[in-house]
Protein backbone atom coordinates (compact mmCIF):
# COMPACT_ATOMS: atom_id res chain seq x y z
CA UNK A 1 -0.06 -0.08 -0.09
CA UNK A 2 3.02 2.31 0.83
CA UNK A 3 4.26 2.27 -3.00
CA UNK A 4 0.58 2.86 -4.19
CA UNK A 5 0.75 5.92 -1.93
CA UNK A 6 4.31 7.20 -2.78
CA UNK A 7 3.37 6.64 -6.55
CA UNK A 8 0.16 8.77 -6.18
CA UNK A 9 2.09 11.40 -4.18
CA UNK A 10 4.84 11.63 -7.06
CA UNK A 11 2.44 11.60 -9.86
CA UNK A 12 -0.09 13.95 -8.78
CA UNK A 13 2.33 16.13 -6.89
CA UNK A 14 4.13 16.47 -10.13
CA UNK A 15 0.95 17.22 -11.84
CA UNK A 16 0.03 19.97 -9.20
CA UNK A 17 2.84 21.69 -9.62
CA UNK A 18 0.94 24.66 -11.53
CA UNK A 19 -1.83 24.27 -9.21
CA UNK A 20 0.26 25.08 -5.71
CA UNK A 21 3.49 26.61 -7.26
CA UNK A 22 2.66 28.28 -10.46
CA UNK A 23 5.68 30.82 -10.27
CA UNK A 24 8.02 28.13 -9.72
CA UNK A 25 7.16 26.26 -12.61
CA UNK A 26 6.83 29.17 -14.93
CA UNK A 27 10.78 30.28 -13.46
CA UNK A 28 11.72 26.55 -14.18
CA UNK A 29 10.17 26.50 -17.86
CA UNK A 30 11.19 29.86 -18.48
CA UNK A 31 15.24 28.53 -17.53
CA UNK A 32 15.17 25.86 -19.93
CA UNK A 33 11.71 24.57 -21.21
CA UNK A 34 12.90 21.31 -22.65
CA UNK A 35 14.59 20.26 -19.42
CA UNK A 36 11.67 21.35 -17.46
CA UNK A 37 9.35 19.01 -19.68
CA UNK A 38 12.01 16.18 -19.29
CA UNK A 39 12.02 16.37 -15.59
CA UNK A 40 8.19 16.73 -15.43
CA UNK A 41 7.95 13.48 -17.96
CA UNK A 42 10.44 11.50 -16.00
CA UNK A 43 9.09 12.10 -12.69
CA UNK A 44 5.56 11.53 -13.83
CA UNK A 45 6.68 8.36 -15.37
CA UNK A 46 8.24 7.23 -12.06
CA UNK A 47 4.79 7.90 -10.19
CA UNK A 48 2.80 5.92 -13.03
CA UNK A 49 5.36 2.85 -12.32
CA UNK A 50 5.18 3.13 -8.34
CA UNK A 51 1.33 3.69 -8.64
CA UNK A 52 0.81 0.48 -11.02
CA UNK A 53 3.58 -1.58 -8.98
CA UNK A 54 1.63 -0.46 -5.46
CA UNK A 55 -1.73 -1.12 -6.80
CA UNK A 56 -0.98 -4.62 -8.21
CA UNK A 57 0.82 -5.19 -4.59
CA UNK A 58 -2.21 -3.79 -2.63
CA UNK A 59 -4.50 -6.02 -4.72
CA UNK A 60 -2.60 -9.11 -3.36
CA UNK A 61 -3.90 -8.36 0.49
CA UNK A 62 -7.32 -6.71 -0.29
CA UNK A 63 -9.42 -4.49 2.52
CA UNK A 64 -13.00 -4.21 1.63
CA UNK A 65 -14.37 -0.66 2.19
CA UNK A 66 -17.59 -1.29 0.55
CA UNK A 67 -19.35 -3.94 -1.59
CA UNK A 68 -20.96 -1.92 -4.65
CA UNK A 69 -24.13 -3.51 -6.30
CA UNK A 70 -23.73 -5.13 -9.55
CA UNK A 71 -26.23 -2.48 -11.54
CA UNK A 72 -23.72 0.08 -10.92
CA UNK A 73 -21.60 -1.66 -13.26
CA UNK A 74 -23.84 -0.18 -16.10
CA UNK A 75 -23.76 3.39 -14.71
CA UNK A 76 -20.14 3.25 -14.71
CA UNK A 77 -19.94 1.91 -18.25
CA UNK A 78 -22.16 4.77 -19.42
CA UNK A 79 -20.00 7.33 -17.33
CA UNK A 80 -16.92 6.06 -19.12
CA UNK A 81 -18.56 6.55 -22.64
CA UNK A 82 -17.45 10.05 -23.21
CA UNK A 83 -14.11 10.00 -21.30
CA UNK A 84 -11.90 9.19 -24.42
CA UNK A 85 -13.51 11.89 -26.29
CA UNK A 86 -13.33 14.20 -23.82
CA UNK A 87 -9.42 13.26 -22.87
CA UNK A 88 -8.67 13.76 -26.53
CA UNK A 89 -10.53 17.06 -26.91
CA UNK A 90 -7.85 19.90 -26.46
CA UNK A 91 -5.66 18.21 -29.20
CA UNK A 92 -8.74 18.34 -32.01
CA UNK A 93 -10.96 21.66 -31.31
CA UNK A 94 -14.26 21.93 -32.08
CA UNK A 95 -17.80 22.35 -30.24
CA UNK A 96 -16.74 19.93 -27.52
CA UNK A 97 -13.56 21.77 -26.64
CA UNK A 98 -15.58 24.95 -26.45
CA UNK A 99 -18.44 23.68 -24.55
CA UNK A 100 -16.15 22.17 -21.71
CA UNK A 101 -13.32 24.34 -20.39
CA UNK A 102 -10.71 21.90 -19.23
CA UNK A 103 -11.94 18.27 -20.97
CA UNK A 104 -9.37 16.46 -19.85
CA UNK A 105 -10.06 17.07 -16.17
CA UNK A 106 -13.57 16.39 -16.80
CA UNK A 107 -12.49 13.00 -18.25
CA UNK A 108 -10.42 12.38 -15.33
CA UNK A 109 -13.26 13.05 -13.10
CA UNK A 110 -15.80 10.63 -14.80
CA UNK A 111 -13.16 7.85 -15.12
CA UNK A 112 -12.42 8.28 -11.20
CA UNK A 113 -16.30 8.41 -10.27
CA UNK A 114 -17.08 5.72 -12.51
CA UNK A 115 -14.73 3.07 -11.07
CA UNK A 116 -15.47 4.26 -7.48
CA UNK A 117 -19.04 2.86 -8.41
CA UNK A 118 -17.76 -0.51 -9.04
CA UNK A 119 -14.55 -0.93 -7.22
CA UNK A 120 -14.58 -0.98 -3.08
CA UNK A 121 -11.55 -2.00 -1.96
CA UNK A 122 -9.22 0.15 -0.01
CA UNK A 123 -6.54 0.42 -3.10
CA UNK A 124 -9.28 1.16 -5.19
CA UNK A 125 -10.70 3.96 -3.15
CA UNK A 126 -7.02 5.42 -2.72
CA UNK A 127 -6.44 5.40 -6.45
CA UNK A 128 -9.61 6.63 -7.91
CA UNK A 129 -10.43 8.65 -5.06
CA UNK A 130 -7.11 10.70 -5.20
CA UNK A 131 -7.38 11.25 -8.94
CA UNK A 132 -10.86 12.29 -8.22
CA UNK A 133 -10.00 14.71 -5.50
CA UNK A 134 -6.73 16.07 -7.55
CA UNK A 135 -8.99 16.76 -10.73
CA UNK A 136 -11.74 18.55 -8.94
CA UNK A 137 -8.85 20.60 -7.25
CA UNK A 138 -7.14 21.30 -10.41
CA UNK A 139 -10.46 22.17 -12.39
CA UNK A 140 -11.49 24.56 -9.42
CA UNK A 141 -8.08 26.23 -9.53
CA UNK A 142 -8.16 26.31 -13.32
CA UNK A 143 -9.60 30.01 -13.54
CA UNK A 144 -6.97 31.52 -11.55
CA UNK A 145 -4.52 30.23 -13.59
CA UNK A 146 -3.44 31.66 -17.05
CA UNK A 147 -4.14 28.99 -19.85
CA UNK A 148 -1.08 27.44 -21.45
CA UNK A 149 -1.20 26.62 -25.34
CA UNK A 150 -1.65 23.18 -26.16
CA UNK A 151 -0.43 21.76 -29.44
CA UNK A 152 -3.40 20.96 -31.48
CA UNK A 153 -4.95 20.36 -34.93
CA UNK A 154 -6.54 23.57 -36.40
CA UNK A 155 -10.21 24.17 -35.13
CA UNK A 156 -12.97 22.34 -37.14
CA UNK A 157 -16.29 20.92 -36.85
CA UNK A 158 -14.89 17.94 -38.39
CA UNK A 159 -12.67 17.52 -35.22
CA UNK A 160 -16.02 16.59 -33.26
CA UNK A 161 -16.30 13.80 -35.90
CA UNK A 162 -12.86 12.81 -35.21
CA UNK A 163 -13.28 12.84 -31.32
CA UNK A 164 -16.53 10.93 -31.38
CA UNK A 165 -15.04 8.02 -33.80
CA UNK A 166 -11.72 8.05 -31.83
CA UNK A 167 -13.51 8.47 -28.55
CA UNK A 168 -15.73 5.32 -29.08
CA UNK A 169 -13.09 3.30 -30.70
CA UNK A 170 -10.90 3.78 -27.71
CA UNK A 171 -13.62 2.70 -25.41
CA UNK A 172 -14.19 -0.46 -27.44
CA UNK A 173 -10.64 -1.36 -27.45
CA UNK A 174 -10.20 -0.68 -23.72
CA UNK A 175 -13.36 -2.42 -22.46
CA UNK A 176 -12.84 -5.74 -24.97
CA UNK A 177 -9.13 -5.87 -24.33
CA UNK A 178 -6.87 -3.24 -23.37
CA UNK A 179 -8.45 -3.18 -19.74
CA UNK A 180 -7.73 -6.74 -19.13
CA UNK A 181 -4.11 -6.49 -20.62
CA UNK A 182 -3.39 -3.49 -18.19
CA UNK A 183 -5.08 -4.58 -15.23
CA UNK A 184 -6.14 -8.36 -15.44
CA UNK A 185 -9.41 -7.52 -15.12
CA UNK A 186 -12.12 -7.64 -17.90
CA UNK A 187 -14.87 -5.01 -17.14
CA UNK A 188 -17.76 -6.67 -19.14
CA UNK A 189 -16.64 -10.62 -18.34
């Protein structure tokens, strides 16, 4: 469990620098943007590895917090439908990007809620709960921070079609294959 908590601290801490220390982040990026991005990427990758290893270890000795009813699996599946399109939306600006101020954070919020609805073990609550708290906090602070440009395709109504197709495609691939490969759990089994 300790490895999971350390990984969450490292990953979400790195992703919170703009929330809690924006001037520091801006100074570091201004000195050498490539070095800042490399540092950010390496620390984030270390956090992801620690989260994955810690989550696998924590699942070996499960602690039940709550037992969700089976029908919540359907609610969870519906909540997850827009997550991939929302996560990709900043890179393909269109109506969706204009309607949702920070679509990636909304995607993380939906992803976390959907997983909390169907997973009641302590490791699950720590993992998805931490991401939920982080995403809500980041979203609330977003209005106080200047938006940074994101490399993206030219804005176009066609991007909404691309997001719909890509989002649904990634949803199907994840639900039928990738989720099982990554976690050992088949969501629709």
